[in-house]
Amino acid sequence: MKEYRRFVAYVYEYQKEKKGRNCGFIQVEAKEQNCRMEVHLLCPGLLPESKCEIFGFVRNSGLMDGILVGECRTGESRADCVVETDRESLGGSGISLEKIGGMILLTESGGFFGTEWDDRAIRPENFRRVKLQEEKKEDRKESEIQEEVQEEVQEEARKEPEKQEEAAEKEPKTHEERMAAQSVAEADEPKRKAEILHIGEPAEIFEDGEIFDCRKIQLRDLCRLRSRECGLRNNRFLQYGFYNFGHLLLGRNRSGHYILGVPGAYDQQEQFMANMFGFPYFKESRRIQVPKDRGGYWYRLINPPEFH
């Protein structure tokens, strides 16, 4: 039976063949024949919907031979994905995890990110992609791909005027219509507040009144708000805070915006993780006690709940 391995490797951005700042991490977990790699990048300026290829590499006469193990699509200034492969044959290459010296991530916009765990420097100029025989057979012609993309672009271009017309028809045109729409939204607010009283339990969390109408809620309550918030049930940072403290936080700020909070501590590592998973703001609270750290809530702004 293979030894169980689990470790975290920090990822750095390389620009002009020089190592730059830390911008994420890869968690590698190997159990028996299965190898699971969890990738998280936070890089301002990273273009959304760009292909990101993920390679393991082996050292070979001063070069780094890259073995493709997976790929994903980037988000806005970030990339998050999970890759699973055979521990004894990463990406079907016949090369085991134990022979891998680190990992490289390449984006189609030219980004180069790397991490190593063999204590040897990464030199981007020495990296080369090694194609497997099966991969070569499955490669599609570039002209076919470009043709498909072009057809999709043309189809979207044909639909765009119709979309704009539909959007324009839905927008309030006159001052009276805009005022009426605002009145409807304001009229819905008392109903929304009444519905919120049925979620979770009230709690006095902050003393300065900056965030009020606070309620401690459960993970399952997210699906009672909006579909977008329901999707946050799978957010790893949110899950981590919930399982450690047993609740999440729903509230409003002085501007009238609703907030969703995750209990935790304020330190450099947690700040990095919170930002990576979409909770950029922190507010201290004496209700959250963390040894040797400031306790409070990492939070994000959310749209007003829509109850069904």
Protein backbone atom coordinates (compact mmCIF):
# COMPACT_ATOMS: atom_id res chain seq x y z
CA MET A 1 0.00 0.00 0.00
CA LYS A 2 1.30 3.42 -0.97
CA GLU A 3 2.12 5.93 1.74
CA TYR A 4 -0.51 8.62 2.28
CA ARG A 5 0.79 12.08 1.32
CA ARG A 6 -0.74 15.48 1.83
CA PHE A 7 1.02 18.82 1.47
CA VAL A 8 0.55 22.43 0.38
CA ALA A 9 2.88 24.14 -2.10
CA TYR A 10 2.79 27.91 -2.60
CA VAL A 11 2.55 29.22 -6.15
CA TYR A 12 4.52 32.21 -7.46
CA GLU A 13 4.10 34.30 -10.58
CA TYR A 14 7.09 34.53 -12.93
CA GLN A 15 7.55 37.61 -15.09
CA LYS A 16 10.44 38.15 -17.47
CA GLU A 17 11.83 34.82 -16.25
CA LYS A 18 12.08 36.13 -12.66
CA LYS A 19 10.27 34.86 -9.59
CA GLY A 20 7.66 37.34 -8.35
CA ARG A 21 5.09 37.44 -5.60
CA ASN A 22 3.13 34.62 -4.04
CA CYS A 23 -0.30 34.44 -5.63
CA GLY A 24 -1.82 31.17 -4.45
CA PHE A 25 -1.27 27.58 -3.48
CA ILE A 26 -1.77 23.99 -4.60
CA GLN A 27 -2.87 21.33 -2.14
CA VAL A 28 -1.75 17.84 -3.14
CA GLU A 29 -3.31 14.76 -1.58
CA ALA A 30 -2.28 11.24 -2.58
CA LYS A 31 -4.10 8.21 -1.19
CA GLU A 32 -3.39 4.77 -2.58
CA GLN A 33 -3.70 5.10 -6.40
CA ASN A 34 -5.55 8.41 -6.45
CA CYS A 35 -3.89 11.82 -6.58
CA ARG A 36 -5.97 14.95 -6.00
CA MET A 37 -4.62 18.45 -6.70
CA GLU A 38 -6.58 21.50 -5.55
CA VAL A 39 -5.47 24.72 -7.26
CA HIS A 40 -6.20 28.25 -5.99
CA LEU A 41 -4.77 31.39 -7.60
CA LEU A 42 -5.48 35.03 -6.81
CA CYS A 43 -3.81 37.29 -9.36
CA PRO A 44 -5.10 40.82 -10.09
CA GLY A 45 -5.24 41.33 -13.84
CA LEU A 46 -5.82 37.69 -14.70
CA LEU A 47 -8.36 37.69 -17.52
CA PRO A 48 -11.59 35.74 -17.00
CA GLU A 49 -12.50 32.74 -19.15
CA SER A 50 -8.89 32.09 -20.16
CA LYS A 51 -7.68 28.53 -20.45
CA CYS A 52 -5.22 27.58 -17.73
CA GLU A 53 -3.17 24.43 -18.29
CA ILE A 54 -1.80 22.56 -15.26
CA PHE A 55 1.45 20.60 -15.54
CA GLY A 56 3.53 18.44 -13.26
CA PHE A 57 7.21 18.55 -14.22
CA VAL A 58 10.24 16.29 -13.96
CA ARG A 59 13.85 17.45 -14.14
CA ASN A 60 15.67 16.23 -17.22
CA SER A 61 19.26 17.31 -17.98
CA GLY A 62 18.66 20.84 -16.74
CA LEU A 63 15.25 21.12 -18.41
CA MET A 64 11.79 20.80 -16.90
CA ASP A 65 9.59 18.40 -18.85
CA GLY A 66 5.95 19.34 -18.32
CA ILE A 67 3.24 16.67 -18.17
CA LEU A 68 -0.29 17.98 -18.68
CA VAL A 69 -2.51 16.75 -15.83
CA GLY A 70 -5.52 19.02 -16.33
CA GLU A 71 -6.87 22.42 -17.27
CA CYS A 72 -9.50 24.90 -16.15
CA ARG A 73 -11.01 28.28 -17.00
CA THR A 74 -10.00 31.33 -15.02
CA GLY A 75 -12.36 33.68 -13.25
CA GLU A 76 -11.95 37.42 -12.70
CA SER A 77 -8.38 37.74 -11.35
CA ARG A 78 -8.49 34.19 -10.02
CA ALA A 79 -8.41 30.49 -10.85
CA ASP A 80 -9.84 27.66 -8.75
CA CYS A 81 -10.08 24.03 -9.75
CA VAL A 82 -9.53 20.43 -8.69
CA VAL A 83 -7.60 17.89 -10.77
CA GLU A 84 -7.67 14.16 -10.09
CA THR A 85 -5.28 11.73 -11.72
CA ASP A 86 -3.54 8.36 -11.26
CA ARG A 87 -0.79 8.62 -8.66
CA GLU A 88 1.39 6.15 -10.58
CA SER A 89 0.75 7.71 -13.99
CA LEU A 90 0.06 11.44 -13.85
CA GLY A 91 -1.96 12.49 -16.86
CA GLY A 92 -1.49 9.01 -18.33
CA SER A 93 2.25 9.63 -18.68
CA GLY A 94 3.52 6.60 -16.79
CA ILE A 95 5.37 8.97 -14.42
CA SER A 96 4.46 8.80 -10.73
CA LEU A 97 3.87 11.64 -8.29
CA GLU A 98 7.05 10.69 -6.46
CA LYS A 99 9.13 11.69 -9.52
CA ILE A 100 7.48 15.10 -9.90
CA GLY A 101 9.54 18.10 -8.79
CA GLY A 102 6.73 20.65 -8.81
CA MET A 103 3.96 22.14 -10.94
CA ILE A 104 3.58 24.80 -13.62
CA LEU A 105 0.42 26.66 -14.63
CA LEU A 106 0.22 28.38 -18.02
CA THR A 107 -2.59 30.69 -19.16
CA GLU A 108 -3.37 31.35 -22.79
CA SER A 109 -2.75 35.05 -22.17
CA GLY A 110 0.90 34.30 -21.37
CA GLY A 111 0.83 33.93 -17.59
CA PHE A 112 3.46 31.63 -16.05
CA PHE A 113 2.99 30.38 -12.48
CA GLY A 114 5.05 27.76 -10.70
CA THR A 115 5.76 25.89 -7.50
CA GLU A 116 8.48 23.38 -6.65
CA TRP A 117 8.98 20.94 -3.80
CA ASP A 118 12.38 19.54 -4.75
CA ASP A 119 14.19 22.66 -3.45
CA ARG A 120 15.53 23.54 -6.91
CA ALA A 121 14.84 26.83 -8.68
CA ILE A 122 12.27 27.14 -11.44
CA ARG A 123 13.60 28.71 -14.62
CA PRO A 124 10.76 29.43 -17.06
CA GLU A 125 13.11 29.36 -20.05
CA ASN A 126 13.88 25.70 -19.24
CA PHE A 127 10.27 24.56 -19.21
CA ARG A 128 8.98 22.55 -22.15
CA ARG A 129 5.75 20.71 -22.71
CA VAL A 130 6.07 16.99 -23.40
CA LYS A 131 3.21 15.62 -25.48
CA LEU A 132 2.11 12.04 -25.00
CA GLN A 133 1.43 9.85 -28.02
CA GLU A 134 -2.29 9.65 -27.19
CA GLU A 135 -2.46 13.39 -26.80
CA LYS A 136 -0.92 13.88 -30.23
CA LYS A 137 -3.50 11.60 -31.80
CA GLU A 138 -6.36 13.49 -30.15
CA ASP A 139 -5.14 16.96 -31.13
CA ARG A 140 -7.59 18.76 -33.36
CA LYS A 141 -6.57 20.91 -36.27
CA GLU A 142 -6.20 24.57 -35.38
CA SER A 143 -8.17 25.63 -38.43
CA GLU A 144 -11.20 23.60 -37.27
CA ILE A 145 -11.10 25.16 -33.82
CA GLN A 146 -10.80 28.67 -35.24
CA GLU A 147 -13.72 28.00 -37.58
CA GLU A 148 -15.93 26.88 -34.70
CA VAL A 149 -14.98 29.90 -32.60
CA GLN A 150 -15.63 32.22 -35.52
CA GLU A 151 -19.08 30.74 -36.06
CA GLU A 152 -19.91 31.24 -32.36
CA VAL A 153 -18.72 34.85 -32.49
CA GLN A 154 -20.78 35.55 -35.59
CA GLU A 155 -23.85 33.94 -34.03
CA GLU A 156 -23.47 36.06 -30.89
CA ALA A 157 -23.03 39.16 -33.03
CA ARG A 158 -26.30 38.41 -34.83
CA LYS A 159 -28.13 38.02 -31.50
CA GLU A 160 -26.64 41.11 -29.84
CA PRO A 161 -29.03 43.74 -31.39
CA GLU A 162 -32.01 41.66 -30.25
CA LYS A 163 -30.59 41.40 -26.72
CA GLN A 164 -30.02 45.15 -26.57
CA GLU A 165 -33.57 45.85 -27.76
CA GLU A 166 -35.01 43.49 -25.13
CA ALA A 167 -32.92 45.09 -22.39
CA ALA A 168 -33.94 48.57 -23.50
CA GLU A 169 -37.64 47.63 -23.44
CA LYS A 170 -37.32 46.40 -19.84
CA GLU A 171 -35.59 49.57 -18.61
CA PRO A 172 -37.81 52.33 -17.16
CA LYS A 173 -37.86 55.06 -19.83
CA THR A 174 -39.37 58.08 -18.14
CA HIS A 175 -38.73 59.76 -14.83
CA GLU A 176 -42.17 58.62 -13.68
CA GLU A 177 -41.39 54.98 -14.55
CA ARG A 178 -38.06 55.13 -12.71
CA MET A 179 -39.73 56.61 -9.64
CA ALA A 180 -42.40 53.90 -9.80
CA ALA A 181 -39.74 51.17 -9.94
CA GLN A 182 -37.98 52.71 -6.95
CA SER A 183 -41.27 52.87 -5.06
CA VAL A 184 -41.88 49.17 -5.71
CA ALA A 185 -38.41 48.32 -4.36
CA GLU A 186 -38.99 50.43 -1.27
CA ALA A 187 -42.43 48.88 -0.78
CA ASP A 188 -40.87 45.42 -0.86
CA GLU A 189 -38.40 46.26 1.92
CA PRO A 190 -40.82 45.83 4.88
CA LYS A 191 -41.89 42.46 3.47
CA ARG A 192 -38.24 41.49 3.03
CA LYS A 193 -37.48 42.45 6.63
CA ALA A 194 -40.44 40.38 7.84
CA GLU A 195 -39.24 37.35 5.90
CA ILE A 196 -35.73 37.71 7.32
CA LEU A 197 -37.17 37.41 10.84
CA HIS A 198 -37.89 33.76 10.00
CA ILE A 199 -34.26 33.01 9.13
CA GLY A 200 -31.77 32.07 11.81
CA GLU A 201 -31.66 33.84 15.14
CA PRO A 202 -31.10 37.52 16.04
CA ALA A 203 -27.71 38.46 17.43
CA GLU A 204 -26.01 41.59 18.76
CA ILE A 205 -22.67 41.26 16.99
CA PHE A 206 -21.28 44.78 16.59
CA GLU A 207 -21.49 47.66 19.02
CA ASP A 208 -20.87 50.62 16.70
CA GLY A 209 -24.04 50.22 14.65
CA GLU A 210 -22.13 50.07 11.36
CA ILE A 211 -23.63 46.65 10.63
CA PHE A 212 -27.03 45.94 12.18
CA ASP A 213 -30.14 43.71 11.87
CA CYS A 214 -27.70 40.82 12.33
CA ARG A 215 -28.85 37.24 12.30
CA LYS A 216 -26.86 34.05 12.78
CA ILE A 217 -27.82 31.69 9.97
CA GLN A 218 -27.00 28.13 8.92
CA LEU A 219 -25.48 26.84 5.71
CA ARG A 220 -28.88 25.59 4.53
CA ASP A 221 -30.37 29.08 4.92
CA LEU A 222 -28.31 30.40 1.98
CA CYS A 223 -30.77 28.83 -0.45
CA ARG A 224 -33.58 30.89 1.09
CA LEU A 225 -31.91 34.11 -0.06
CA ARG A 226 -31.00 34.07 -3.77
CA SER A 227 -29.78 31.42 -6.19
CA ARG A 228 -26.35 33.09 -6.29
CA GLU A 229 -26.01 32.91 -2.51
CA CYS A 230 -27.22 29.31 -2.58
CA GLY A 231 -24.19 28.51 -4.75
CA LEU A 232 -21.91 29.79 -1.99
CA ARG A 233 -22.60 26.59 -0.04
CA ASN A 234 -19.66 25.11 -1.97
CA ASN A 235 -17.30 27.99 -1.14
CA ARG A 236 -14.41 26.39 0.78
CA PHE A 237 -13.64 29.45 2.90
CA LEU A 238 -17.29 29.84 3.89
CA GLN A 239 -17.51 26.12 4.75
CA TYR A 240 -14.33 26.37 6.84
CA GLY A 241 -15.70 29.26 8.92
CA PHE A 242 -19.10 27.65 9.32
CA TYR A 243 -17.75 24.30 10.53
CA ASN A 244 -15.39 26.01 12.98
CA PHE A 245 -17.89 28.43 14.51
CA GLY A 246 -21.25 26.84 13.73
CA HIS A 247 -22.90 29.79 11.98
CA LEU A 248 -22.75 32.46 9.27
CA LEU A 249 -23.89 36.07 9.54
CA LEU A 250 -26.59 37.99 7.66
CA GLY A 251 -26.90 41.73 8.24
CA ARG A 252 -27.13 45.22 6.74
CA ASN A 253 -24.76 48.17 6.72
CA ARG A 254 -25.52 51.87 7.05
CA SER A 255 -25.80 52.21 3.28
CA GLY A 256 -28.63 49.71 3.27
CA HIS A 257 -26.63 46.94 1.61
CA TYR A 258 -26.98 43.41 2.85
CA ILE A 259 -23.85 41.55 3.92
CA LEU A 260 -22.94 37.90 4.31
CA GLY A 261 -20.29 37.21 6.94
CA VAL A 262 -18.01 34.30 7.76
CA PRO A 263 -16.59 34.11 11.31
CA GLY A 264 -12.82 33.87 11.60
CA ALA A 265 -9.57 35.54 12.63
CA TYR A 266 -7.67 38.47 11.21
CA ASP A 267 -4.18 37.44 10.19
CA GLN A 268 -2.14 37.45 6.99
CA GLN A 269 -2.91 33.89 5.96
CA GLU A 270 -6.64 34.17 6.60
CA GLN A 271 -6.75 37.53 4.81
CA PHE A 272 -5.19 35.91 1.76
CA MET A 273 -7.71 33.06 1.84
CA ALA A 274 -10.69 35.36 2.45
CA ASN A 275 -9.78 37.56 -0.52
CA MET A 276 -9.20 34.53 -2.72
CA PHE A 277 -12.67 33.14 -1.96
CA GLY A 278 -14.52 36.44 -2.33
CA PHE A 279 -14.80 37.85 1.22
CA PRO A 280 -12.63 40.99 1.06
CA TYR A 281 -13.85 42.91 4.13
CA PHE A 282 -13.20 42.26 7.82
CA LYS A 283 -14.96 43.65 10.87
CA GLU A 284 -13.81 42.83 14.37
CA SER A 285 -16.28 41.51 16.94
CA ARG A 286 -15.86 40.55 20.58
CA ARG A 287 -18.38 37.78 19.97
CA ILE A 288 -15.72 35.80 18.09
CA GLN A 289 -12.92 34.73 20.40
CA VAL A 290 -9.72 33.53 18.74
CA PRO A 291 -6.57 32.83 20.81
CA LYS A 292 -3.80 35.40 20.15
CA ASP A 293 -5.72 36.90 17.19
CA ARG A 294 -8.46 39.38 16.44
CA GLY A 295 -11.76 37.61 15.97
CA GLY A 296 -14.57 38.87 13.78
CA TYR A 297 -16.24 38.37 10.42
CA TRP A 298 -14.93 38.34 6.89
CA TYR A 299 -17.81 39.55 4.77
CA ARG A 300 -19.01 40.46 1.30
CA LEU A 301 -21.90 42.56 0.00
CA ILE A 302 -24.86 40.62 -1.40
CA ASN A 303 -28.03 41.60 -3.23
CA PRO A 304 -31.24 42.00 -1.21
CA PRO A 305 -32.74 38.56 -0.51
CA GLU A 306 -35.56 37.35 -2.75
CA PHE A 307 -37.76 34.96 -0.83
CA HIS A 308 -39.78 32.29 -2.57
